[in-house]
Amino acid sequence: MLLLMLASAAAFPLDSVRRPLIIGHRGASGHRPEHTIESYRLAAEMGADFIEPDLVSTKDGVLIARHENEIGGTTDAADRFPDRKTTKIIDGKLVTGWFTEDFTLAEIRTLRARERLAFRSHAYDGQFQIPTFDEVIVLAQEFGKRLGRPVGIYPETKHPTYFRGIGLPLEERLLASLDAHGWNTRDAPVFIQSFESGNLRDLRTKTRVRLIQLGATAAMFDDAGLKAIASYADGIGAEKSLVVPVGADAATDLVTRAHAAGLLVHVWTLRADKEFLPAVYAGKPEAEFERFRDLGVDGIFTDFPDIGVRALAR
């Protein structure tokens, strides 16, 4: 049943039936500053099946691609707008910094992206703009035509309850953009993901696009949890240690149980950096991709789509 569901989706690459999808996590973020057109473009060129824009809102209601609405660490907002620094409560946590909802799109256009992690290259800091969601869709569609294969998008709604609470809901604008570009359909190469379940349940009543419930705890994906998720979503996005626990000899049964519930399993996030790669793989990131492929996952989020494509082509 699971294979038929994938194979019947005409806009998906057919080889997704034979190997996990490669999802460019924030683009090719191991090589370029995350959530930039250049990062997404490189991911597509490297062979990623999907590119992943995290979505937040500007003050004037435009969806842009940032991992968080706090952008002090991934842009030069602190240098250009020092007076915008503030402290807010985001999902119950105090956060101090610069927030997208305090900037208009015109102001966001003046900012430049920078690498978030200190141990990665900063050679591209200050060179790239922050893209809108519409620009990411256009890029994916244009690259799909150029490469002769689908390049899908995998947007995540970030802090949806918070944004709805300040009058800047994400979901309606997300669907409007998909509508405008002809991708609000069941067979479009689109997954919508969220850590929250309320907005996914609501989205299920408004779109047939595939929905993915993100989670990082085993309790969320127990048998009762999987059954509940299957009532509104098409799959789960599981933190990788829920499938292969760090330091454990054996994998869990999460993939088997999720498939039995009719759910796809996408895992996050595989990275080649020594700071992230588990020691068991002895410095060989390809081995981690092969391990998850052999366990039957349906998709893999990675900062290094080039390594994933190479490993899974074997």
C-alpha atoms as a PDB file:
ATOM      1  CA  MET A   1       0.000   0.000   0.000  1.00  0.00           C
ATOM      2  CA  LEU A   2       2.799   2.397   0.915  1.00  0.00           C
ATOM      3  CA  LEU A   3       4.696   1.804  -2.318  1.00  0.00           C
ATOM      4  CA  LEU A   4       1.560   2.235  -4.370  1.00  0.00           C
ATOM      5  CA  MET A   5       0.862   5.556  -2.678  1.00  0.00           C
ATOM      6  CA  LEU A   6       4.305   6.821  -3.640  1.00  0.00           C
ATOM      7  CA  ALA A   7       4.255   5.402  -7.129  1.00  0.00           C
ATOM      8  CA  SER A   8       0.846   6.874  -7.886  1.00  0.00           C
ATOM      9  CA  ALA A   9       2.019  10.396  -7.128  1.00  0.00           C
ATOM     10  CA  ALA A  10       2.923  11.388 -10.681  1.00  0.00           C
ATOM     11  CA  ALA A  11       4.876  14.457  -9.641  1.00  0.00           C
ATOM     12  CA  PHE A  12       7.230  12.484  -7.391  1.00  0.00           C
ATOM     13  CA  PRO A  13      10.440  10.976  -8.775  1.00  0.00           C
ATOM     14  CA  LEU A  14       9.769   7.336  -9.557  1.00  0.00           C
ATOM     15  CA  ASP A  15      13.012   6.234  -7.949  1.00  0.00           C
ATOM     16  CA  SER A  16      11.576   7.327  -4.607  1.00  0.00           C
ATOM     17  CA  VAL A  17       9.971   3.875  -4.571  1.00  0.00           C
ATOM     18  CA  ARG A  18      13.427   2.260  -4.567  1.00  0.00           C
ATOM     19  CA  ARG A  19      15.383   4.579  -2.278  1.00  0.00           C
ATOM     20  CA  PRO A  20      14.645   7.239   0.319  1.00  0.00           C
ATOM     21  CA  LEU A  21      13.936  10.759  -0.857  1.00  0.00           C
ATOM     22  CA  ILE A  22      16.823  13.147  -0.328  1.00  0.00           C
ATOM     23  CA  ILE A  23      15.533  16.348   1.290  1.00  0.00           C
ATOM     24  CA  GLY A  24      17.883  19.324   1.165  1.00  0.00           C
ATOM     25  CA  HIS A  25      17.646  20.516   4.771  1.00  0.00           C
ATOM     26  CA  ARG A  26      17.463  24.310   4.529  1.00  0.00           C
ATOM     27  CA  GLY A  27      18.924  23.714   1.064  1.00  0.00           C
ATOM     28  CA  ALA A  28      22.505  22.493   0.839  1.00  0.00           C
ATOM     29  CA  SER A  29      23.163  24.144   4.175  1.00  0.00           C
ATOM     30  CA  GLY A  30      26.406  22.268   4.749  1.00  0.00           C
ATOM     31  CA  HIS A  31      27.865  24.219   1.833  1.00  0.00           C
ATOM     32  CA  ARG A  32      26.064  27.588   1.757  1.00  0.00           C
ATOM     33  CA  PRO A  33      24.298  29.796   4.347  1.00  0.00           C
ATOM     34  CA  GLU A  34      20.961  28.157   5.107  1.00  0.00           C
ATOM     35  CA  HIS A  35      17.649  29.235   3.609  1.00  0.00           C
ATOM     36  CA  THR A  36      19.088  31.220   0.720  1.00  0.00           C
ATOM     37  CA  ILE A  37      18.302  30.851  -2.972  1.00  0.00           C
ATOM     38  CA  GLU A  38      21.919  29.841  -3.475  1.00  0.00           C
ATOM     39  CA  SER A  39      21.612  27.068  -0.887  1.00  0.00           C
ATOM     40  CA  TYR A  40      18.392  25.758  -2.436  1.00  0.00           C
ATOM     41  CA  ARG A  41      19.805  25.970  -5.960  1.00  0.00           C
ATOM     42  CA  LEU A  42      22.907  24.009  -4.980  1.00  0.00           C
ATOM     43  CA  ALA A  43      20.777  21.326  -3.313  1.00  0.00           C
ATOM     44  CA  ALA A  44      18.782  20.870  -6.511  1.00  0.00           C
ATOM     45  CA  GLU A  45      21.950  20.728  -8.601  1.00  0.00           C
ATOM     46  CA  MET A  46      23.371  18.099  -6.257  1.00  0.00           C
ATOM     47  CA  GLY A  47      20.339  15.890  -6.853  1.00  0.00           C
ATOM     48  CA  ALA A  48      18.044  16.612  -3.908  1.00  0.00           C
ATOM     49  CA  ASP A  49      14.472  15.494  -4.525  1.00  0.00           C
ATOM     50  CA  PHE A  50      13.089  18.210  -2.231  1.00  0.00           C
ATOM     51  CA  ILE A  51      14.293  21.495  -0.801  1.00  0.00           C
ATOM     52  CA  GLU A  52      13.116  22.583   2.625  1.00  0.00           C
ATOM     53  CA  PRO A  53      12.112  26.181   3.382  1.00  0.00           C
ATOM     54  CA  ASP A  54      11.163  26.943   6.977  1.00  0.00           C
ATOM     55  CA  LEU A  55       8.507  29.651   6.932  1.00  0.00           C
ATOM     56  CA  VAL A  56       8.051  32.702   9.135  1.00  0.00           C
ATOM     57  CA  SER A  57       6.240  35.988   8.503  1.00  0.00           C
ATOM     58  CA  THR A  58       7.319  39.569   8.017  1.00  0.00           C
ATOM     59  CA  LYS A  59       5.495  42.489   9.629  1.00  0.00           C
ATOM     60  CA  ASP A  60       3.496  42.982   6.434  1.00  0.00           C
ATOM     61  CA  GLY A  61       2.451  39.345   6.168  1.00  0.00           C
ATOM     62  CA  VAL A  62       4.903  37.949   3.612  1.00  0.00           C
ATOM     63  CA  LEU A  63       6.227  34.432   4.126  1.00  0.00           C
ATOM     64  CA  ILE A  64      10.018  34.266   4.065  1.00  0.00           C
ATOM     65  CA  ALA A  65      12.485  31.426   4.543  1.00  0.00           C
ATOM     66  CA  ARG A  66      14.228  31.460   7.929  1.00  0.00           C
ATOM     67  CA  HIS A  67      14.718  28.681  10.452  1.00  0.00           C
ATOM     68  CA  GLU A  68      13.420  30.909  13.227  1.00  0.00           C
ATOM     69  CA  ASN A  69      11.691  34.250  13.457  1.00  0.00           C
ATOM     70  CA  GLU A  70      14.714  35.368  15.505  1.00  0.00           C
ATOM     71  CA  ILE A  71      17.255  36.290  12.823  1.00  0.00           C
ATOM     72  CA  GLY A  72      20.109  37.852  14.756  1.00  0.00           C
ATOM     73  CA  GLY A  73      22.235  34.743  14.336  1.00  0.00           C
ATOM     74  CA  THR A  74      21.619  34.136  10.622  1.00  0.00           C
ATOM     75  CA  THR A  75      21.630  37.687   9.211  1.00  0.00           C
ATOM     76  CA  ASP A  76      23.297  41.050   9.726  1.00  0.00           C
ATOM     77  CA  ALA A  77      20.129  42.474  11.315  1.00  0.00           C
ATOM     78  CA  ALA A  78      22.059  43.432  14.453  1.00  0.00           C
ATOM     79  CA  ASP A  79      24.428  45.588  12.406  1.00  0.00           C
ATOM     80  CA  ARG A  80      21.800  47.219  10.216  1.00  0.00           C
ATOM     81  CA  PHE A  81      19.013  47.631  12.777  1.00  0.00           C
ATOM     82  CA  PRO A  82      20.603  47.741  16.252  1.00  0.00           C
ATOM     83  CA  ASP A  83      17.536  49.468  17.699  1.00  0.00           C
ATOM     84  CA  ARG A  84      15.237  46.545  16.804  1.00  0.00           C
ATOM     85  CA  LYS A  85      16.694  44.217  19.439  1.00  0.00           C
ATOM     86  CA  THR A  86      13.998  43.083  21.830  1.00  0.00           C
ATOM     87  CA  THR A  87      12.865  40.211  24.047  1.00  0.00           C
ATOM     88  CA  LYS A  88       9.733  38.170  23.390  1.00  0.00           C
ATOM     89  CA  ILE A  89       8.029  35.039  24.632  1.00  0.00           C
ATOM     90  CA  ILE A  90       8.006  32.514  21.794  1.00  0.00           C
ATOM     91  CA  ASP A  91       6.197  29.246  22.537  1.00  0.00           C
ATOM     92  CA  GLY A  92       6.676  29.787  26.255  1.00  0.00           C
ATOM     93  CA  LYS A  93      10.379  30.685  26.099  1.00  0.00           C
ATOM     94  CA  LEU A  94      12.060  34.051  26.538  1.00  0.00           C
ATOM     95  CA  VAL A  95      14.020  34.893  23.387  1.00  0.00           C
ATOM     96  CA  THR A  96      16.122  38.002  22.861  1.00  0.00           C
ATOM     97  CA  GLY A  97      17.124  39.174  19.403  1.00  0.00           C
ATOM     98  CA  TRP A  98      15.781  40.498  16.123  1.00  0.00           C
ATOM     99  CA  PHE A  99      12.446  39.135  14.872  1.00  0.00           C
ATOM    100  CA  THR A 100      11.049  38.892  11.364  1.00  0.00           C
ATOM    101  CA  GLU A 101       7.622  40.122  12.449  1.00  0.00           C
ATOM    102  CA  ASP A 102       9.216  43.475  13.353  1.00  0.00           C
ATOM    103  CA  PHE A 103      10.508  44.023   9.812  1.00  0.00           C
ATOM    104  CA  THR A 104       8.696  44.768   6.567  1.00  0.00           C
ATOM    105  CA  LEU A 105       9.669  42.808   3.485  1.00  0.00           C
ATOM    106  CA  ALA A 106      11.402  45.920   2.154  1.00  0.00           C
ATOM    107  CA  GLU A 107      13.555  45.980   5.273  1.00  0.00           C
ATOM    108  CA  ILE A 108      14.216  42.245   5.088  1.00  0.00           C
ATOM    109  CA  ARG A 109      15.471  42.811   1.528  1.00  0.00           C
ATOM    110  CA  THR A 110      18.297  44.971   2.909  1.00  0.00           C
ATOM    111  CA  LEU A 111      19.617  42.140   5.091  1.00  0.00           C
ATOM    112  CA  ARG A 112      22.218  39.568   4.112  1.00  0.00           C
ATOM    113  CA  ALA A 113      22.501  35.993   5.332  1.00  0.00           C
ATOM    114  CA  ARG A 114      25.375  34.536   7.292  1.00  0.00           C
ATOM    115  CA  GLU A 115      26.419  31.049   8.348  1.00  0.00           C
ATOM    116  CA  ARG A 116      24.828  30.033  11.648  1.00  0.00           C
ATOM    117  CA  LEU A 117      27.439  27.500  12.815  1.00  0.00           C
ATOM    118  CA  ALA A 118      30.898  28.680  13.857  1.00  0.00           C
ATOM    119  CA  PHE A 119      32.681  25.543  12.590  1.00  0.00           C
ATOM    120  CA  ARG A 120      31.350  25.811   9.030  1.00  0.00           C
ATOM    121  CA  SER A 121      32.735  28.042   6.294  1.00  0.00           C
ATOM    122  CA  HIS A 122      31.888  31.732   6.542  1.00  0.00           C
ATOM    123  CA  ALA A 123      33.206  32.520   3.061  1.00  0.00           C
ATOM    124  CA  TYR A 124      29.718  33.422   1.829  1.00  0.00           C
ATOM    125  CA  ASP A 125      28.613  35.585   4.748  1.00  0.00           C
ATOM    126  CA  GLY A 126      27.062  38.857   3.639  1.00  0.00           C
ATOM    127  CA  GLN A 127      26.513  37.811   0.008  1.00  0.00           C
ATOM    128  CA  PHE A 128      22.983  36.407  -0.160  1.00  0.00           C
ATOM    129  CA  GLN A 129      19.494  37.796   0.451  1.00  0.00           C
ATOM    130  CA  ILE A 130      16.616  36.219   2.379  1.00  0.00           C
ATOM    131  CA  PRO A 131      14.117  34.702  -0.088  1.00  0.00           C
ATOM    132  CA  THR A 132      10.344  34.731   0.013  1.00  0.00           C
ATOM    133  CA  PHE A 133       8.379  31.492  -0.110  1.00  0.00           C
ATOM    134  CA  ASP A 134       7.113  32.387  -3.581  1.00  0.00           C
ATOM    135  CA  GLU A 135      10.686  32.746  -4.809  1.00  0.00           C
ATOM    136  CA  VAL A 136      11.533  29.300  -3.452  1.00  0.00           C
ATOM    137  CA  ILE A 137       8.566  27.761  -5.288  1.00  0.00           C
ATOM    138  CA  VAL A 138       9.592  29.448  -8.533  1.00  0.00           C
ATOM    139  CA  LEU A 139      13.140  28.170  -8.121  1.00  0.00           C
ATOM    140  CA  ALA A 140      11.947  24.592  -7.558  1.00  0.00           C
ATOM    141  CA  GLN A 141       9.616  24.683 -10.549  1.00  0.00           C
ATOM    142  CA  GLU A 142      12.235  26.204 -12.852  1.00  0.00           C
ATOM    143  CA  PHE A 143      14.858  23.673 -11.783  1.00  0.00           C
ATOM    144  CA  GLY A 144      12.402  20.848 -12.280  1.00  0.00           C
ATOM    145  CA  LYS A 145      12.007  21.906 -15.909  1.00  0.00           C
ATOM    146  CA  ARG A 146      15.731  22.446 -16.361  1.00  0.00           C
ATOM    147  CA  LEU A 147      16.755  19.127 -14.833  1.00  0.00           C
ATOM    148  CA  GLY A 148      13.940  17.124 -16.386  1.00  0.00           C
ATOM    149  CA  ARG A 149      12.811  15.767 -13.011  1.00  0.00           C
ATOM    150  CA  PRO A 150      10.651  17.088 -10.183  1.00  0.00           C
ATOM    151  CA  VAL A 151      12.295  19.242  -7.550  1.00  0.00           C
ATOM    152  CA  GLY A 152       9.801  19.408  -4.719  1.00  0.00           C
ATOM    153  CA  ILE A 153       9.363  21.730  -1.764  1.00  0.00           C
ATOM    154  CA  TYR A 154       8.977  20.730   1.868  1.00  0.00           C
ATOM    155  CA  PRO A 155       7.877  23.833   3.805  1.00  0.00           C
ATOM    156  CA  GLU A 156       7.703  23.874   7.591  1.00  0.00           C
ATOM    157  CA  THR A 157       5.437  26.232   9.480  1.00  0.00           C
ATOM    158  CA  LYS A 158       7.525  27.700  12.312  1.00  0.00           C
ATOM    159  CA  HIS A 159       5.775  28.707  15.536  1.00  0.00           C
ATOM    160  CA  PRO A 160       2.325  28.709  13.876  1.00  0.00           C
ATOM    161  CA  THR A 161       0.353  29.297  17.078  1.00  0.00           C
ATOM    162  CA  TYR A 162       2.564  32.263  17.969  1.00  0.00           C
ATOM    163  CA  PHE A 163       2.188  33.840  14.544  1.00  0.00           C
ATOM    164  CA  ARG A 164      -1.567  33.338  14.515  1.00  0.00           C
ATOM    165  CA  GLY A 165      -1.704  34.943  17.940  1.00  0.00           C
ATOM    166  CA  ILE A 166      -0.090  38.137  16.670  1.00  0.00           C
ATOM    167  CA  GLY A 167      -2.362  38.336  13.625  1.00  0.00           C
ATOM    168  CA  LEU A 168       0.094  36.889  11.102  1.00  0.00           C
ATOM    169  CA  PRO A 169      -1.171  33.345  10.434  1.00  0.00           C
ATOM    170  CA  LEU A 170       1.091  31.246   8.235  1.00  0.00           C
ATOM    171  CA  GLU A 171      -1.203  28.570   6.855  1.00  0.00           C
ATOM    172  CA  GLU A 172      -3.557  30.667   4.734  1.00  0.00           C
ATOM    173  CA  ARG A 173      -0.657  32.441   3.070  1.00  0.00           C
ATOM    174  CA  LEU A 174       1.149  29.140   2.505  1.00  0.00           C
ATOM    175  CA  LEU A 175      -1.868  27.665   0.721  1.00  0.00           C
ATOM    176  CA  ALA A 176      -2.404  30.879  -1.249  1.00  0.00           C
ATOM    177  CA  SER A 177       1.146  30.631  -2.577  1.00  0.00           C
ATOM    178  CA  LEU A 178       0.686  26.983  -3.505  1.00  0.00           C
ATOM    179  CA  ASP A 179      -2.563  27.913  -5.271  1.00  0.00           C
ATOM    180  CA  ALA A 180      -0.876  30.716  -7.178  1.00  0.00           C
ATOM    181  CA  HIS A 181       1.790  28.353  -8.497  1.00  0.00           C
ATOM    182  CA  GLY A 182      -0.496  25.395  -9.203  1.00  0.00           C
ATOM    183  CA  TRP A 183       0.903  23.198  -6.435  1.00  0.00           C
ATOM    184  CA  ASN A 184      -2.023  22.926  -4.029  1.00  0.00           C
ATOM    185  CA  THR A 185      -2.901  19.439  -5.308  1.00  0.00           C
ATOM    186  CA  ARG A 186      -2.476  15.870  -4.118  1.00  0.00           C
ATOM    187  CA  ASP A 187       0.013  14.986  -6.831  1.00  0.00           C
ATOM    188  CA  ALA A 188       2.142  18.118  -6.428  1.00  0.00           C
ATOM    189  CA  PRO A 189       5.707  17.519  -5.182  1.00  0.00           C
ATOM    190  CA  VAL A 190       4.929  19.135  -1.832  1.00  0.00           C
ATOM    191  CA  PHE A 191       5.019  18.086   1.808  1.00  0.00           C
ATOM    192  CA  ILE A 192       3.921  20.481   4.564  1.00  0.00           C
ATOM    193  CA  GLN A 193       5.471  19.783   7.963  1.00  0.00           C
ATOM    194  CA  SER A 194       4.961  21.066  11.476  1.00  0.00           C
ATOM    195  CA  PHE A 195       5.873  20.237  15.065  1.00  0.00           C
ATOM    196  CA  GLU A 196       2.391  21.363  16.056  1.00  0.00           C
ATOM    197  CA  SER A 197      -0.573  19.122  15.355  1.00  0.00           C
ATOM    198  CA  GLY A 198      -3.430  21.608  15.584  1.00  0.00           C
ATOM    199  CA  ASN A 199      -2.461  23.447  12.434  1.00  0.00           C
ATOM    200  CA  LEU A 200      -1.905  20.188  10.554  1.00  0.00           C
ATOM    201  CA  ARG A 201      -5.371  18.992  11.536  1.00  0.00           C
ATOM    202  CA  ASP A 202      -6.794  22.261  10.279  1.00  0.00           C
ATOM    203  CA  LEU A 203      -4.765  22.084   7.063  1.00  0.00           C
ATOM    204  CA  ARG A 204      -6.119  18.595   6.420  1.00  0.00           C
ATOM    205  CA  THR A 205      -9.584  20.128   5.964  1.00  0.00           C
ATOM    206  CA  LYS A 206      -8.255  22.698   3.473  1.00  0.00           C
ATOM    207  CA  THR A 207      -5.722  20.910   1.274  1.00  0.00           C
ATOM    208  CA  ARG A 208      -4.872  17.488  -0.125  1.00  0.00           C
ATOM    209  CA  VAL A 209      -1.147  18.211  -0.098  1.00  0.00           C
ATOM    210  CA  ARG A 210       0.776  15.627   1.929  1.00  0.00           C
ATOM    211  CA  LEU A 211       1.237  16.523   5.598  1.00  0.00           C
ATOM    212  CA  ILE A 212       4.045  15.417   7.908  1.00  0.00           C
ATOM    213  CA  GLN A 213       3.912  15.441  11.696  1.00  0.00           C
ATOM    214  CA  LEU A 214       7.317  16.283  13.141  1.00  0.00           C
ATOM    215  CA  GLY A 215       8.396  14.889  16.480  1.00  0.00           C
ATOM    216  CA  ALA A 216      11.454  14.359  18.639  1.00  0.00           C
ATOM    217  CA  THR A 217      10.110  12.164  21.448  1.00  0.00           C
ATOM    218  CA  ALA A 218       9.282   8.461  21.510  1.00  0.00           C
ATOM    219  CA  ALA A 219       6.063   9.129  23.411  1.00  0.00           C
ATOM    220  CA  MET A 220       4.693  11.083  20.479  1.00  0.00           C
ATOM    221  CA  PHE A 221       5.172   8.097  18.196  1.00  0.00           C
ATOM    222  CA  ASP A 222       3.865   5.285  20.356  1.00  0.00           C
ATOM    223  CA  ASP A 223       1.164   3.096  18.805  1.00  0.00           C
ATOM    224  CA  ALA A 224      -1.676   5.341  19.954  1.00  0.00           C
ATOM    225  CA  GLY A 225       0.166   8.398  18.726  1.00  0.00           C
ATOM    226  CA  LEU A 226       0.790   6.897  15.296  1.00  0.00           C
ATOM    227  CA  LYS A 227      -2.863   5.934  14.975  1.00  0.00           C
ATOM    228  CA  ALA A 228      -3.927   9.480  15.805  1.00  0.00           C
ATOM    229  CA  ILE A 229      -1.402  10.986  13.386  1.00  0.00           C
ATOM    230  CA  ALA A 230      -2.624   8.733  10.571  1.00  0.00           C
ATOM    231  CA  SER A 231      -6.048  10.362  10.884  1.00  0.00           C
ATOM    232  CA  TYR A 232      -4.745  13.711   9.603  1.00  0.00           C
ATOM    233  CA  ALA A 233      -1.192  13.287   8.258  1.00  0.00           C
ATOM    234  CA  ASP A 234       0.569  11.192   5.640  1.00  0.00           C
ATOM    235  CA  GLY A 235       3.757  10.589   7.536  1.00  0.00           C
ATOM    236  CA  ILE A 236       6.059  11.421  10.391  1.00  0.00           C
ATOM    237  CA  GLY A 237       9.268  13.411  10.485  1.00  0.00           C
ATOM    238  CA  ALA A 238      11.249  11.735  13.236  1.00  0.00           C
ATOM    239  CA  GLU A 239      14.467  12.854  14.891  1.00  0.00           C
ATOM    240  CA  LYS A 240      16.952  10.225  13.749  1.00  0.00           C
ATOM    241  CA  SER A 241      17.771   8.905  17.233  1.00  0.00           C
ATOM    242  CA  LEU A 242      14.180   7.684  17.505  1.00  0.00           C
ATOM    243  CA  VAL A 243      15.091   5.190  14.754  1.00  0.00           C
ATOM    244  CA  VAL A 244      18.767   4.588  15.542  1.00  0.00           C
ATOM    245  CA  PRO A 245      19.475   5.544  19.180  1.00  0.00           C
ATOM    246  CA  VAL A 246      22.913   7.042  19.745  1.00  0.00           C
ATOM    247  CA  GLY A 247      25.252   4.378  21.110  1.00  0.00           C
ATOM    248  CA  ALA A 248      22.733   1.553  20.723  1.00  0.00           C
ATOM    249  CA  ASP A 249      23.551  -1.642  18.847  1.00  0.00           C
ATOM    250  CA  ALA A 250      20.088  -2.095  17.367  1.00  0.00           C
ATOM    251  CA  ALA A 251      17.498   0.137  15.731  1.00  0.00           C
ATOM    252  CA  THR A 252      14.049   0.656  17.183  1.00  0.00           C
ATOM    253  CA  ASP A 253      10.873  -0.646  15.566  1.00  0.00           C
ATOM    254  CA  LEU A 254       9.541   2.837  14.758  1.00  0.00           C
ATOM    255  CA  VAL A 255       9.832   2.462  10.978  1.00  0.00           C
ATOM    256  CA  THR A 256       7.986  -0.871  11.033  1.00  0.00           C
ATOM    257  CA  ARG A 257       5.224   0.429  13.303  1.00  0.00           C
ATOM    258  CA  ALA A 258       4.764   3.653  11.338  1.00  0.00           C
ATOM    259  CA  HIS A 259       4.540   1.783   8.043  1.00  0.00           C
ATOM    260  CA  ALA A 260       1.997  -0.558   9.581  1.00  0.00           C
ATOM    261  CA  ALA A 261      -0.069   2.522  10.446  1.00  0.00           C
ATOM    262  CA  GLY A 262       0.123   3.642   6.801  1.00  0.00           C
ATOM    263  CA  LEU A 263       2.582   6.460   7.504  1.00  0.00           C
ATOM    264  CA  LEU A 264       5.707   7.509   5.662  1.00  0.00           C
ATOM    265  CA  VAL A 265       8.865   7.917   7.742  1.00  0.00           C
ATOM    266  CA  HIS A 266      11.258  10.791   7.065  1.00  0.00           C
ATOM    267  CA  VAL A 267      14.211  11.234   9.439  1.00  0.00           C
ATOM    268  CA  TRP A 268      16.194  14.331  10.365  1.00  0.00           C
ATOM    269  CA  THR A 269      18.962  15.439  10.167  1.00  0.00           C
ATOM    270  CA  LEU A 270      22.006  13.677   8.688  1.00  0.00           C
ATOM    271  CA  ARG A 271      25.152  15.810   8.658  1.00  0.00           C
ATOM    272  CA  ALA A 272      28.743  15.099   7.662  1.00  0.00           C
ATOM    273  CA  ASP A 273      30.391  17.460  10.169  1.00  0.00           C
ATOM    274  CA  LYS A 274      32.457  15.668  12.807  1.00  0.00           C
ATOM    275  CA  GLU A 275      30.532  17.693  15.379  1.00  0.00           C
ATOM    276  CA  PHE A 276      27.317  15.895  14.349  1.00  0.00           C
ATOM    277  CA  LEU A 277      28.266  12.528  12.823  1.00  0.00           C
ATOM    278  CA  PRO A 278      27.908   9.707  15.386  1.00  0.00           C
ATOM    279  CA  ALA A 279      31.207   8.013  16.192  1.00  0.00           C
ATOM    280  CA  VAL A 280      29.892   4.605  15.138  1.00  0.00           C
ATOM    281  CA  TYR A 281      30.222   5.651  11.484  1.00  0.00           C
ATOM    282  CA  ALA A 282      33.981   6.235  11.870  1.00  0.00           C
ATOM    283  CA  GLY A 283      34.025   9.494   9.965  1.00  0.00           C
ATOM    284  CA  LYS A 284      32.114   8.060   6.980  1.00  0.00           C
ATOM    285  CA  PRO A 285      28.822   9.947   6.554  1.00  0.00           C
ATOM    286  CA  GLU A 286      27.852   7.719   3.617  1.00  0.00           C
ATOM    287  CA  ALA A 287      27.538   4.842   6.059  1.00  0.00           C
ATOM    288  CA  GLU A 288      24.830   6.670   8.014  1.00  0.00           C
ATOM    289  CA  PHE A 289      22.754   7.187   4.871  1.00  0.00           C
ATOM    290  CA  GLU A 290      23.152   3.517   4.002  1.00  0.00           C
ATOM    291  CA  ARG A 291      22.067   2.490   7.495  1.00  0.00           C
ATOM    292  CA  PHE A 292      18.820   4.438   7.307  1.00  0.00           C
ATOM    293  CA  ARG A 293      18.160   3.241   3.766  1.00  0.00           C
ATOM    294  CA  ASP A 294      18.568  -0.359   4.916  1.00  0.00           C
ATOM    295  CA  LEU A 295      16.105   0.300   7.744  1.00  0.00           C
ATOM    296  CA  GLY A 296      13.460   1.282   5.190  1.00  0.00           C
ATOM    297  CA  VAL A 297      12.948   4.981   5.833  1.00  0.00           C
ATOM    298  CA  ASP A 298      11.150   6.852   3.061  1.00  0.00           C
ATOM    299  CA  GLY A 299      13.052  10.126   3.221  1.00  0.00           C
ATOM    300  CA  ILE A 300      16.169  11.664   4.742  1.00  0.00           C
ATOM    301  CA  PHE A 301      16.744  15.303   5.656  1.00  0.00           C
ATOM    302  CA  THR A 302      20.378  16.274   5.165  1.00  0.00           C
ATOM    303  CA  ASP A 303      22.578  19.368   5.082  1.00  0.00           C
ATOM    304  CA  PHE A 304      24.737  17.522   2.532  1.00  0.00           C
ATOM    305  CA  PRO A 305      22.516  16.281  -0.311  1.00  0.00           C
ATOM    306  CA  ASP A 306      25.578  15.541  -2.447  1.00  0.00           C
ATOM    307  CA  ILE A 307      26.717  12.899   0.040  1.00  0.00           C
ATOM    308  CA  GLY A 308      23.226  11.462   0.351  1.00  0.00           C
ATOM    309  CA  VAL A 309      22.706  11.181  -3.396  1.00  0.00           C
ATOM    310  CA  ARG A 310      26.113   9.577  -3.824  1.00  0.00           C
ATOM    311  CA  ALA A 311      25.612   7.107  -0.989  1.00  0.00           C
ATOM    312  CA  LEU A 312      22.135   6.023  -2.032  1.00  0.00           C
ATOM    313  CA  ALA A 313      23.080   5.616  -5.688  1.00  0.00           C
ATOM    314  CA  ARG A 314      25.263   2.640  -4.791  1.00  0.00           C
END
